[in-house]
Amino acid sequence: QQGRDYFDDLYQAHRMVGCAFERGGARVIANLAPVKEKEVLIISH
């Protein structure tokens, strides 16, 4: 639908508001829509 990578946009949207950063090649996200308390996502290839 968007012609863009979902996981990249997920990271960039969180990064824009200060809830994501990169660490050693992995992307760390404090989820803005958490399933429960303090949910964190870690994404790598």
ModelCIF file with pLDDT and N, C-alpha, C, O atoms, coordinates in Angstrom:
data_MODEL
#
_entry.id   MODEL 
#
_entity.id                         1 
_entity.type                       polymer 
_entity.pdbx_number_of_molecules   1 
#
_entity_poly.entity_id                      1 
_entity_poly.type                           'polypeptide(L)' 
_entity_poly.nstd_linkage                   no 
_entity_poly.nstd_monomer                   no 
_entity_poly.pdbx_seq_one_letter_code       QQGRDYFDDLYQAHRMVGCAFERGGARVIANLAPVKEKEVLIISH 
_entity_poly.pdbx_seq_one_letter_code_can   QQGRDYFDDLYQAHRMVGCAFERGGARVIANLAPVKEKEVLIISH 
_entity_poly.pdbx_strand_id                 A 
#
loop_
_entity_poly_seq.entity_id 
_entity_poly_seq.num 
_entity_poly_seq.mon_id 
_entity_poly_seq.hetero 
1 1  GLN n 
1 2  GLN n 
1 3  GLY n 
1 4  ARG n 
1 5  ASP n 
1 6  TYR n 
1 7  PHE n 
1 8  ASP n 
1 9  ASP n 
1 10 LEU n 
1 11 TYR n 
1 12 GLN n 
1 13 ALA n 
1 14 HIS n 
1 15 ARG n 
1 16 MET n 
1 17 VAL n 
1 18 GLY n 
1 19 CYS n 
1 20 ALA n 
1 21 PHE n 
1 22 GLU n 
1 23 ARG n 
1 24 GLY n 
1 25 GLY n 
1 26 ALA n 
1 27 ARG n 
1 28 VAL n 
1 29 ILE n 
1 30 ALA n 
1 31 ASN n 
1 32 LEU n 
1 33 ALA n 
1 34 PRO n 
1 35 VAL n 
1 36 LYS n 
1 37 GLU n 
1 38 LYS n 
1 39 GLU n 
1 40 VAL n 
1 41 LEU n 
1 42 ILE n 
1 43 ILE n 
1 44 SER n 
1 45 HIS n 
#
_struct_asym.id          A 
_struct_asym.entity_id   1 
#
loop_
_ma_qa_metric.id 
_ma_qa_metric.mode 
_ma_qa_metric.name 
_ma_qa_metric.software_group_id 
_ma_qa_metric.type 
1 global pLDDT . pLDDT 
2 local  pLDDT . pLDDT 
#
_ma_qa_metric_global.metric_id      1 
_ma_qa_metric_global.metric_value   95.04 
_ma_qa_metric_global.model_id       1 
_ma_qa_metric_global.ordinal_id     1 
#
loop_
_ma_qa_metric_local.label_asym_id 
_ma_qa_metric_local.label_comp_id 
_ma_qa_metric_local.label_seq_id 
_ma_qa_metric_local.metric_id 
_ma_qa_metric_local.metric_value 
_ma_qa_metric_local.model_id 
_ma_qa_metric_local.ordinal_id 
A GLN 1  2 96.00 1 1  
A GLN 2  2 96.00 1 2  
A GLY 3  2 96.00 1 3  
A ARG 4  2 96.00 1 4  
A ASP 5  2 97.00 1 5  
A TYR 6  2 97.00 1 6  
A PHE 7  2 97.00 1 7  
A ASP 8  2 97.00 1 8  
A ASP 9  2 98.00 1 9  
A LEU 10 2 98.00 1 10 
A TYR 11 2 97.00 1 11 
A GLN 12 2 98.00 1 12 
A ALA 13 2 97.00 1 13 
A HIS 14 2 97.00 1 14 
A ARG 15 2 97.00 1 15 
A MET 16 2 97.00 1 16 
A VAL 17 2 96.00 1 17 
A GLY 18 2 95.00 1 18 
A CYS 19 2 97.00 1 19 
A ALA 20 2 96.00 1 20 
A PHE 21 2 95.00 1 21 
A GLU 22 2 94.00 1 22 
A ARG 23 2 90.00 1 23 
A GLY 24 2 88.00 1 24 
A GLY 25 2 90.00 1 25 
A ALA 26 2 95.00 1 26 
A ARG 27 2 96.00 1 27 
A VAL 28 2 97.00 1 28 
A ILE 29 2 97.00 1 29 
A ALA 30 2 96.00 1 30 
A ASN 31 2 96.00 1 31 
A LEU 32 2 96.00 1 32 
A ALA 33 2 93.00 1 33 
A PRO 34 2 92.00 1 34 
A VAL 35 2 89.00 1 35 
A LYS 36 2 90.00 1 36 
A GLU 37 2 86.00 1 37 
A LYS 38 2 93.00 1 38 
A GLU 39 2 95.00 1 39 
A VAL 40 2 96.00 1 40 
A LEU 41 2 97.00 1 41 
A ILE 42 2 97.00 1 42 
A ILE 43 2 97.00 1 43 
A SER 44 2 96.00 1 44 
A HIS 45 2 91.00 1 45 
#
loop_
_atom_site.group_PDB 
_atom_site.id 
_atom_site.type_symbol 
_atom_site.label_atom_id 
_atom_site.label_alt_id 
_atom_site.label_comp_id 
_atom_site.label_asym_id 
_atom_site.label_entity_id 
_atom_site.label_seq_id 
_atom_site.pdbx_PDB_ins_code 
_atom_site.Cartn_x 
_atom_site.Cartn_y 
_atom_site.Cartn_z 
_atom_site.occupancy 
_atom_site.B_iso_or_equiv 
_atom_site.pdbx_formal_charge 
_atom_site.auth_seq_id 
_atom_site.auth_comp_id 
_atom_site.auth_asym_id 
_atom_site.auth_atom_id 
_atom_site.pdbx_PDB_model_num 
ATOM 1   N N  . GLN A 1 1  ? 0.809  -1.216  0.000  1.00 96.00 ? 1  GLN A N  1 
ATOM 2   C CA . GLN A 1 1  ? 0.000  0.000   0.000  1.00 96.00 ? 1  GLN A CA 1 
ATOM 3   C C  . GLN A 1 1  ? 0.842  1.265   0.000  1.00 96.00 ? 1  GLN A C  1 
ATOM 4   O O  . GLN A 1 1  ? 0.515  2.228   -0.694 1.00 96.00 ? 1  GLN A O  1 
ATOM 5   N N  . GLN A 1 2  ? 1.925  1.272   0.772  1.00 96.00 ? 2  GLN A N  1 
ATOM 6   C CA . GLN A 1 2  ? 2.716  2.483   0.955  1.00 96.00 ? 2  GLN A CA 1 
ATOM 7   C C  . GLN A 1 2  ? 4.006  2.499   0.131  1.00 96.00 ? 2  GLN A C  1 
ATOM 8   O O  . GLN A 1 2  ? 4.605  3.554   -0.077 1.00 96.00 ? 2  GLN A O  1 
ATOM 9   N N  . GLY A 1 3  ? 4.428  1.318   -0.337 1.00 96.00 ? 3  GLY A N  1 
ATOM 10  C CA . GLY A 1 3  ? 5.689  1.253   -1.063 1.00 96.00 ? 3  GLY A CA 1 
ATOM 11  C C  . GLY A 1 3  ? 6.900  1.468   -0.188 1.00 96.00 ? 3  GLY A C  1 
ATOM 12  O O  . GLY A 1 3  ? 7.966  1.851   -0.671 1.00 96.00 ? 3  GLY A O  1 
ATOM 13  N N  . ARG A 1 4  ? 6.737  1.218   1.117  1.00 96.00 ? 4  ARG A N  1 
ATOM 14  C CA . ARG A 1 4  ? 7.821  1.431   2.075  1.00 96.00 ? 4  ARG A CA 1 
ATOM 15  C C  . ARG A 1 4  ? 7.918  0.232   3.016  1.00 96.00 ? 4  ARG A C  1 
ATOM 16  O O  . ARG A 1 4  ? 6.956  -0.514  3.197  1.00 96.00 ? 4  ARG A O  1 
ATOM 17  N N  . ASP A 1 5  ? 9.096  0.066   3.609  1.00 97.00 ? 5  ASP A N  1 
ATOM 18  C CA . ASP A 1 5  ? 9.316  -1.037  4.531  1.00 97.00 ? 5  ASP A CA 1 
ATOM 19  C C  . ASP A 1 5  ? 8.644  -0.738  5.871  1.00 97.00 ? 5  ASP A C  1 
ATOM 20  O O  . ASP A 1 5  ? 8.917  0.289   6.492  1.00 97.00 ? 5  ASP A O  1 
ATOM 21  N N  . TYR A 1 6  ? 7.771  -1.634  6.308  1.00 97.00 ? 6  TYR A N  1 
ATOM 22  C CA . TYR A 1 6  ? 7.022  -1.426  7.543  1.00 97.00 ? 6  TYR A CA 1 
ATOM 23  C C  . TYR A 1 6  ? 7.941  -1.288  8.752  1.00 97.00 ? 6  TYR A C  1 
ATOM 24  O O  . TYR A 1 6  ? 7.761  -0.385  9.569  1.00 97.00 ? 6  TYR A O  1 
ATOM 25  N N  . PHE A 1 7  ? 8.920  -2.177  8.870  1.00 97.00 ? 7  PHE A N  1 
ATOM 26  C CA . PHE A 1 7  ? 9.758  -2.194  10.069 1.00 97.00 ? 7  PHE A CA 1 
ATOM 27  C C  . PHE A 1 7  ? 10.674 -0.974  10.122 1.00 97.00 ? 7  PHE A C  1 
ATOM 28  O O  . PHE A 1 7  ? 10.967 -0.468  11.205 1.00 97.00 ? 7  PHE A O  1 
ATOM 29  N N  . ASP A 1 8  ? 11.125 -0.499  8.963  1.00 97.00 ? 8  ASP A N  1 
ATOM 30  C CA . ASP A 1 8  ? 11.926 0.717   8.935  1.00 97.00 ? 8  ASP A CA 1 
ATOM 31  C C  . ASP A 1 8  ? 11.077 1.916   9.343  1.00 97.00 ? 8  ASP A C  1 
ATOM 32  O O  . ASP A 1 8  ? 11.526 2.754   10.126 1.00 97.00 ? 8  ASP A O  1 
ATOM 33  N N  . ASP A 1 9  ? 9.865  2.005   8.825  1.00 98.00 ? 9  ASP A N  1 
ATOM 34  C CA . ASP A 1 9  ? 8.988  3.124   9.189  1.00 98.00 ? 9  ASP A CA 1 
ATOM 35  C C  . ASP A 1 9  ? 8.584  3.063   10.659 1.00 98.00 ? 9  ASP A C  1 
ATOM 36  O O  . ASP A 1 9  ? 8.455  4.098   11.312 1.00 98.00 ? 9  ASP A O  1 
ATOM 37  N N  . LEU A 1 10 ? 8.385  1.854   11.181 1.00 98.00 ? 10 LEU A N  1 
ATOM 38  C CA . LEU A 1 10 ? 8.078  1.698   12.604 1.00 98.00 ? 10 LEU A CA 1 
ATOM 39  C C  . LEU A 1 10 ? 9.199  2.287   13.450 1.00 98.00 ? 10 LEU A C  1 
ATOM 40  O O  . LEU A 1 10 ? 8.950  3.022   14.406 1.00 98.00 ? 10 LEU A O  1 
ATOM 41  N N  . TYR A 1 11 ? 10.435 1.957   13.090 1.00 97.00 ? 11 TYR A N  1 
ATOM 42  C CA . TYR A 1 11 ? 11.581 2.493   13.822 1.00 97.00 ? 11 TYR A CA 1 
ATOM 43  C C  . TYR A 1 11 ? 11.667 4.013   13.681 1.00 97.00 ? 11 TYR A C  1 
ATOM 44  O O  . TYR A 1 11 ? 11.831 4.721   14.674 1.00 97.00 ? 11 TYR A O  1 
ATOM 45  N N  . GLN A 1 12 ? 11.557 4.516   12.443 1.00 98.00 ? 12 GLN A N  1 
ATOM 46  C CA . GLN A 1 12 ? 11.703 5.949   12.212 1.00 98.00 ? 12 GLN A CA 1 
ATOM 47  C C  . GLN A 1 12 ? 10.624 6.750   12.932 1.00 98.00 ? 12 GLN A C  1 
ATOM 48  O O  . GLN A 1 12 ? 10.908 7.825   13.460 1.00 98.00 ? 12 GLN A O  1 
ATOM 49  N N  . ALA A 1 13 ? 9.389  6.245   12.961 1.00 97.00 ? 13 ALA A N  1 
ATOM 50  C CA . ALA A 1 13 ? 8.313  6.947   13.662 1.00 97.00 ? 13 ALA A CA 1 
ATOM 51  C C  . ALA A 1 13 ? 8.610  7.055   15.153 1.00 97.00 ? 13 ALA A C  1 
ATOM 52  O O  . ALA A 1 13 ? 8.364  8.097   15.761 1.00 97.00 ? 13 ALA A O  1 
ATOM 53  N N  . HIS A 1 14 ? 9.134  5.990   15.744 1.00 97.00 ? 14 HIS A N  1 
ATOM 54  C CA . HIS A 1 14 ? 9.494  6.028   17.164 1.00 97.00 ? 14 HIS A CA 1 
ATOM 55  C C  . HIS A 1 14 ? 10.718 6.913   17.404 1.00 97.00 ? 14 HIS A C  1 
ATOM 56  O O  . HIS A 1 14 ? 10.797 7.610   18.415 1.00 97.00 ? 14 HIS A O  1 
ATOM 57  N N  . ARG A 1 15 ? 11.661 6.884   16.480 1.00 97.00 ? 15 ARG A N  1 
ATOM 58  C CA . ARG A 1 15 ? 12.867 7.695   16.635 1.00 97.00 ? 15 ARG A CA 1 
ATOM 59  C C  . ARG A 1 15 ? 12.529 9.182   16.607 1.00 97.00 ? 15 ARG A C  1 
ATOM 60  O O  . ARG A 1 15 ? 13.138 9.971   17.330 1.00 97.00 ? 15 ARG A O  1 
ATOM 61  N N  . MET A 1 16 ? 11.564 9.566   15.779 1.00 97.00 ? 16 MET A N  1 
ATOM 62  C CA . MET A 1 16 ? 11.200 10.975  15.654 1.00 97.00 ? 16 MET A CA 1 
ATOM 63  C C  . MET A 1 16 ? 10.681 11.561  16.970 1.00 97.00 ? 16 MET A C  1 
ATOM 64  O O  . MET A 1 16 ? 10.833 12.758  17.211 1.00 97.00 ? 16 MET A O  1 
ATOM 65  N N  . VAL A 1 17 ? 10.080 10.741  17.813 1.00 96.00 ? 17 VAL A N  1 
ATOM 66  C CA . VAL A 1 17 ? 9.540  11.247  19.079 1.00 96.00 ? 17 VAL A CA 1 
ATOM 67  C C  . VAL A 1 17 ? 10.421 10.864  20.271 1.00 96.00 ? 17 VAL A C  1 
ATOM 68  O O  . VAL A 1 17 ? 10.031 11.055  21.422 1.00 96.00 ? 17 VAL A O  1 
ATOM 69  N N  . GLY A 1 18 ? 11.617 10.319  19.990 1.00 95.00 ? 18 GLY A N  1 
ATOM 70  C CA . GLY A 1 18 ? 12.565 10.031  21.057 1.00 95.00 ? 18 GLY A CA 1 
ATOM 71  C C  . GLY A 1 18 ? 12.398 8.684   21.723 1.00 95.00 ? 18 GLY A C  1 
ATOM 72  O O  . GLY A 1 18 ? 12.908 8.474   22.824 1.00 95.00 ? 18 GLY A O  1 
ATOM 73  N N  . CYS A 1 19 ? 11.685 7.753   21.074 1.00 97.00 ? 19 CYS A N  1 
ATOM 74  C CA . CYS A 1 19 ? 11.445 6.439   21.677 1.00 97.00 ? 19 CYS A CA 1 
ATOM 75  C C  . CYS A 1 19 ? 12.217 5.313   21.003 1.00 97.00 ? 19 CYS A C  1 
ATOM 76  O O  . CYS A 1 19 ? 11.902 4.142   21.216 1.00 97.00 ? 19 CYS A O  1 
ATOM 77  N N  . ALA A 1 20 ? 13.223 5.640   20.192 1.00 96.00 ? 20 ALA A N  1 
ATOM 78  C CA . ALA A 1 20 ? 13.995 4.589   19.525 1.00 96.00 ? 20 ALA A CA 1 
ATOM 79  C C  . ALA A 1 20 ? 15.412 5.069   19.271 1.00 96.00 ? 20 ALA A C  1 
ATOM 80  O O  . ALA A 1 20 ? 15.666 6.263   19.112 1.00 96.00 ? 20 ALA A O  1 
ATOM 81  N N  . PHE A 1 21 ? 16.327 4.116   19.237 1.00 95.00 ? 21 PHE A N  1 
ATOM 82  C CA . PHE A 1 21 ? 17.728 4.420   18.947 1.00 95.00 ? 21 PHE A CA 1 
ATOM 83  C C  . PHE A 1 21 ? 18.411 3.150   18.472 1.00 95.00 ? 21 PHE A C  1 
ATOM 84  O O  . PHE A 1 21 ? 17.863 2.056   18.602 1.00 95.00 ? 21 PHE A O  1 
ATOM 85  N N  . GLU A 1 22 ? 19.606 3.296   17.921 1.00 94.00 ? 22 GLU A N  1 
ATOM 86  C CA . GLU A 1 22 ? 20.397 2.146   17.478 1.00 94.00 ? 22 GLU A CA 1 
ATOM 87  C C  . GLU A 1 22 ? 21.506 1.860   18.474 1.00 94.00 ? 22 GLU A C  1 
ATOM 88  O O  . GLU A 1 22 ? 22.092 2.764   19.069 1.00 94.00 ? 22 GLU A O  1 
ATOM 89  N N  . ARG A 1 23 ? 21.771 0.572   18.634 1.00 90.00 ? 23 ARG A N  1 
ATOM 90  C CA . ARG A 1 23 ? 22.836 0.138   19.544 1.00 90.00 ? 23 ARG A CA 1 
ATOM 91  C C  . ARG A 1 23 ? 23.523 -1.075  18.926 1.00 90.00 ? 23 ARG A C  1 
ATOM 92  O O  . ARG A 1 23 ? 22.949 -2.163  18.878 1.00 90.00 ? 23 ARG A O  1 
ATOM 93  N N  . GLY A 1 24 ? 24.759 -0.884  18.450 1.00 88.00 ? 24 GLY A N  1 
ATOM 94  C CA . GLY A 1 24 ? 25.529 -2.003  17.910 1.00 88.00 ? 24 GLY A CA 1 
ATOM 95  C C  . GLY A 1 24 ? 24.893 -2.652  16.701 1.00 88.00 ? 24 GLY A C  1 
ATOM 96  O O  . GLY A 1 24 ? 25.031 -3.861  16.509 1.00 88.00 ? 24 GLY A O  1 
ATOM 97  N N  . GLY A 1 25 ? 24.201 -1.881  15.880 1.00 90.00 ? 25 GLY A N  1 
ATOM 98  C CA . GLY A 1 25 ? 23.565 -2.442  14.696 1.00 90.00 ? 25 GLY A CA 1 
ATOM 99  C C  . GLY A 1 25 ? 22.141 -2.906  14.912 1.00 90.00 ? 25 GLY A C  1 
ATOM 100 O O  . GLY A 1 25 ? 21.434 -3.187  13.944 1.00 90.00 ? 25 GLY A O  1 
ATOM 101 N N  . ALA A 1 26 ? 21.698 -2.994  16.163 1.00 95.00 ? 26 ALA A N  1 
ATOM 102 C CA . ALA A 1 26 ? 20.318 -3.367  16.473 1.00 95.00 ? 26 ALA A CA 1 
ATOM 103 C C  . ALA A 1 26 ? 19.514 -2.105  16.752 1.00 95.00 ? 26 ALA A C  1 
ATOM 104 O O  . ALA A 1 26 ? 20.043 -1.118  17.264 1.00 95.00 ? 26 ALA A O  1 
ATOM 105 N N  . ARG A 1 27 ? 18.248 -2.147  16.415 1.00 96.00 ? 27 ARG A N  1 
ATOM 106 C CA . ARG A 1 27 ? 17.347 -1.023  16.670 1.00 96.00 ? 27 ARG A CA 1 
ATOM 107 C C  . ARG A 1 27 ? 16.502 -1.335  17.904 1.00 96.00 ? 27 ARG A C  1 
ATOM 108 O O  . ARG A 1 27 ? 15.870 -2.387  17.992 1.00 96.00 ? 27 ARG A O  1 
ATOM 109 N N  . VAL A 1 28 ? 16.503 -0.405  18.847 1.00 97.00 ? 28 VAL A N  1 
ATOM 110 C CA . VAL A 1 28 ? 15.796 -0.576  20.117 1.00 97.00 ? 28 VAL A CA 1 
ATOM 111 C C  . VAL A 1 28 ? 14.640 0.420   20.158 1.00 97.00 ? 28 VAL A C  1 
ATOM 112 O O  . VAL A 1 28 ? 14.838 1.616   19.950 1.00 97.00 ? 28 VAL A O  1 
ATOM 113 N N  . ILE A 1 29 ? 13.434 -0.076  20.427 1.00 97.00 ? 29 ILE A N  1 
ATOM 114 C CA . ILE A 1 29 ? 12.223 0.739   20.390 1.00 97.00 ? 29 ILE A CA 1 
ATOM 115 C C  . ILE A 1 29 ? 11.455 0.563   21.694 1.00 97.00 ? 29 ILE A C  1 
ATOM 116 O O  . ILE A 1 29 ? 11.129 -0.562  22.073 1.00 97.00 ? 29 ILE A O  1 
ATOM 117 N N  . ALA A 1 30 ? 11.162 1.668   22.384 1.00 96.00 ? 30 ALA A N  1 
ATOM 118 C CA . ALA A 1 30 ? 10.207 1.653   23.491 1.00 96.00 ? 30 ALA A CA 1 
ATOM 119 C C  . ALA A 1 30 ? 8.832  1.839   22.865 1.00 96.00 ? 30 ALA A C  1 
ATOM 120 O O  . ALA A 1 30 ? 8.486  2.940   22.438 1.00 96.00 ? 30 ALA A O  1 
ATOM 121 N N  . ASN A 1 31 ? 8.054  0.777   22.809 1.00 96.00 ? 31 ASN A N  1 
ATOM 122 C CA . ASN A 1 31 ? 6.845  0.738   21.993 1.00 96.00 ? 31 ASN A CA 1 
ATOM 123 C C  . ASN A 1 31 ? 5.813  1.775   22.437 1.00 96.00 ? 31 ASN A C  1 
ATOM 124 O O  . ASN A 1 31 ? 5.444  1.834   23.610 1.00 96.00 ? 31 ASN A O  1 
ATOM 125 N N  . LEU A 1 32 ? 5.349  2.597   21.482 1.00 96.00 ? 32 LEU A N  1 
ATOM 126 C CA . LEU A 1 32 ? 4.312  3.589   21.756 1.00 96.00 ? 32 LEU A CA 1 
ATOM 127 C C  . LEU A 1 32 ? 2.923  2.970   21.844 1.00 96.00 ? 32 LEU A C  1 
ATOM 128 O O  . LEU A 1 32 ? 1.989  3.601   22.339 1.00 96.00 ? 32 LEU A O  1 
ATOM 129 N N  . ALA A 1 33 ? 2.788  1.744   21.366 1.00 93.00 ? 33 ALA A N  1 
ATOM 130 C CA . ALA A 1 33 ? 1.518  1.017   21.467 1.00 93.00 ? 33 ALA A CA 1 
ATOM 131 C C  . ALA A 1 33 ? 1.789  -0.333  22.120 1.00 93.00 ? 33 ALA A C  1 
ATOM 132 O O  . ALA A 1 33 ? 1.603  -1.374  21.491 1.00 93.00 ? 33 ALA A O  1 
ATOM 133 N N  . PRO A 1 34 ? 2.232  -0.322  23.387 1.00 92.00 ? 34 PRO A N  1 
ATOM 134 C CA . PRO A 1 34 ? 2.680  -1.566  24.027 1.00 92.00 ? 34 PRO A CA 1 
ATOM 135 C C  . PRO A 1 34 ? 1.528  -2.502  24.346 1.00 92.00 ? 34 PRO A C  1 
ATOM 136 O O  . PRO A 1 34 ? 0.416  -2.068  24.644 1.00 92.00 ? 34 PRO A O  1 
ATOM 137 N N  . VAL A 1 35 ? 1.818  -3.797  24.276 1.00 89.00 ? 35 VAL A N  1 
ATOM 138 C CA . VAL A 1 35 ? 0.825  -4.785  24.646 1.00 89.00 ? 35 VAL A CA 1 
ATOM 139 C C  . VAL A 1 35 ? 0.595  -4.762  26.144 1.00 89.00 ? 35 VAL A C  1 
ATOM 140 O O  . VAL A 1 35 ? -0.498 -5.078  26.613 1.00 89.00 ? 35 VAL A O  1 
ATOM 141 N N  . LYS A 1 36 ? 1.635  -4.386  26.909 1.00 90.00 ? 36 LYS A N  1 
ATOM 142 C CA . LYS A 1 36 ? 1.531  -4.209  28.357 1.00 90.00 ? 36 LYS A CA 1 
ATOM 143 C C  . LYS A 1 36 ? 2.713  -3.343  28.788 1.00 90.00 ? 36 LYS A C  1 
ATOM 144 O O  . LYS A 1 36 ? 3.406  -2.759  27.955 1.00 90.00 ? 36 LYS A O  1 
ATOM 145 N N  . GLU A 1 37 ? 2.932  -3.270  30.102 1.00 86.00 ? 37 GLU A N  1 
ATOM 146 C CA . GLU A 1 37 ? 3.872  -2.291  30.642 1.00 86.00 ? 37 GLU A CA 1 
ATOM 147 C C  . GLU A 1 37 ? 5.295  -2.439  30.088 1.00 86.00 ? 37 GLU A C  1 
ATOM 148 O O  . GLU A 1 37 ? 5.835  -3.540  29.988 1.00 86.00 ? 37 GLU A O  1 
ATOM 149 N N  . LYS A 1 38 ? 5.880  -1.283  29.732 1.00 93.00 ? 38 LYS A N  1 
ATOM 150 C CA . LYS A 1 38 ? 7.309  -1.168  29.389 1.00 93.00 ? 38 LYS A CA 1 
ATOM 151 C C  . LYS A 1 38 ? 7.712  -2.077  28.233 1.00 93.00 ? 38 LYS A C  1 
ATOM 152 O O  . LYS A 1 38 ? 8.823  -2.608  28.247 1.00 93.00 ? 38 LYS A O  1 
ATOM 153 N N  . GLU A 1 39 ? 6.869  -2.275  27.250 1.00 95.00 ? 39 GLU A N  1 
ATOM 154 C CA . GLU A 1 39 ? 7.241  -3.158  26.151 1.00 95.00 ? 39 GLU A CA 1 
ATOM 155 C C  . GLU A 1 39 ? 8.352  -2.537  25.310 1.00 95.00 ? 39 GLU A C  1 
ATOM 156 O O  . GLU A 1 39 ? 8.278  -1.370  24.923 1.00 95.00 ? 39 GLU A O  1 
ATOM 157 N N  . VAL A 1 40 ? 9.374  -3.330  25.035 1.00 96.00 ? 40 VAL A N  1 
ATOM 158 C CA . VAL A 1 40 ? 10.518 -2.906  24.231 1.00 96.00 ? 40 VAL A CA 1 
ATOM 159 C C  . VAL A 1 40 ? 10.664 -3.871  23.058 1.00 96.00 ? 40 VAL A C  1 
ATOM 160 O O  . VAL A 1 40 ? 10.555 -5.086  23.225 1.00 96.00 ? 40 VAL A O  1 
ATOM 161 N N  . LEU A 1 41 ? 10.913 -3.321  21.871 1.00 97.00 ? 41 LEU A N  1 
ATOM 162 C CA . LEU A 1 41 ? 11.176 -4.111  20.668 1.00 97.00 ? 41 LEU A CA 1 
ATOM 163 C C  . LEU A 1 41 ? 12.643 -3.960  20.299 1.00 97.00 ? 41 LEU A C  1 
ATOM 164 O O  . LEU A 1 41 ? 13.208 -2.873  20.418 1.00 97.00 ? 41 LEU A O  1 
ATOM 165 N N  . ILE A 1 42 ? 13.260 -5.043  19.852 1.00 97.00 ? 42 ILE A N  1 
ATOM 166 C CA . ILE A 1 42 ? 14.645 -5.026  19.372 1.00 97.00 ? 42 ILE A CA 1 
ATOM 167 C C  . ILE A 1 42 ? 14.644 -5.649  17.982 1.00 97.00 ? 42 ILE A C  1 
ATOM 168 O O  . ILE A 1 42 ? 14.211 -6.788  17.809 1.00 97.00 ? 42 ILE A O  1 
ATOM 169 N N  . ILE A 1 43 ? 15.127 -4.905  16.995 1.00 97.00 ? 43 ILE A N  1 
ATOM 170 C CA . ILE A 1 43 ? 15.049 -5.346  15.601 1.00 97.00 ? 43 ILE A CA 1 
ATOM 171 C C  . ILE A 1 43 ? 16.443 -5.410  14.992 1.00 97.00 ? 43 ILE A C  1 
ATOM 172 O O  . ILE A 1 43 ? 17.244 -4.488  15.151 1.00 97.00 ? 43 ILE A O  1 
ATOM 173 N N  . SER A 1 44 ? 16.724 -6.504  14.296 1.00 96.00 ? 44 SER A N  1 
ATOM 174 C CA . SER A 1 44 ? 17.994 -6.678  13.607 1.00 96.00 ? 44 SER A CA 1 
ATOM 175 C C  . SER A 1 44 ? 17.739 -7.540  12.374 1.00 96.00 ? 44 SER A C  1 
ATOM 176 O O  . SER A 1 44 ? 16.697 -8.185  12.259 1.00 96.00 ? 44 SER A O  1 
ATOM 177 N N  . HIS A 1 45 ? 18.705 -7.543  11.453 1.00 91.00 ? 45 HIS A N  1 
ATOM 178 C CA . HIS A 1 45 ? 18.538 -8.347  10.241 1.00 91.00 ? 45 HIS A CA 1 
ATOM 179 C C  . HIS A 1 45 ? 19.112 -9.749  10.376 1.00 91.00 ? 45 HIS A C  1 
ATOM 180 O O  . HIS A 1 45 ? 19.043 -10.537 9.433  1.00 91.00 ? 45 HIS A O  1 
#
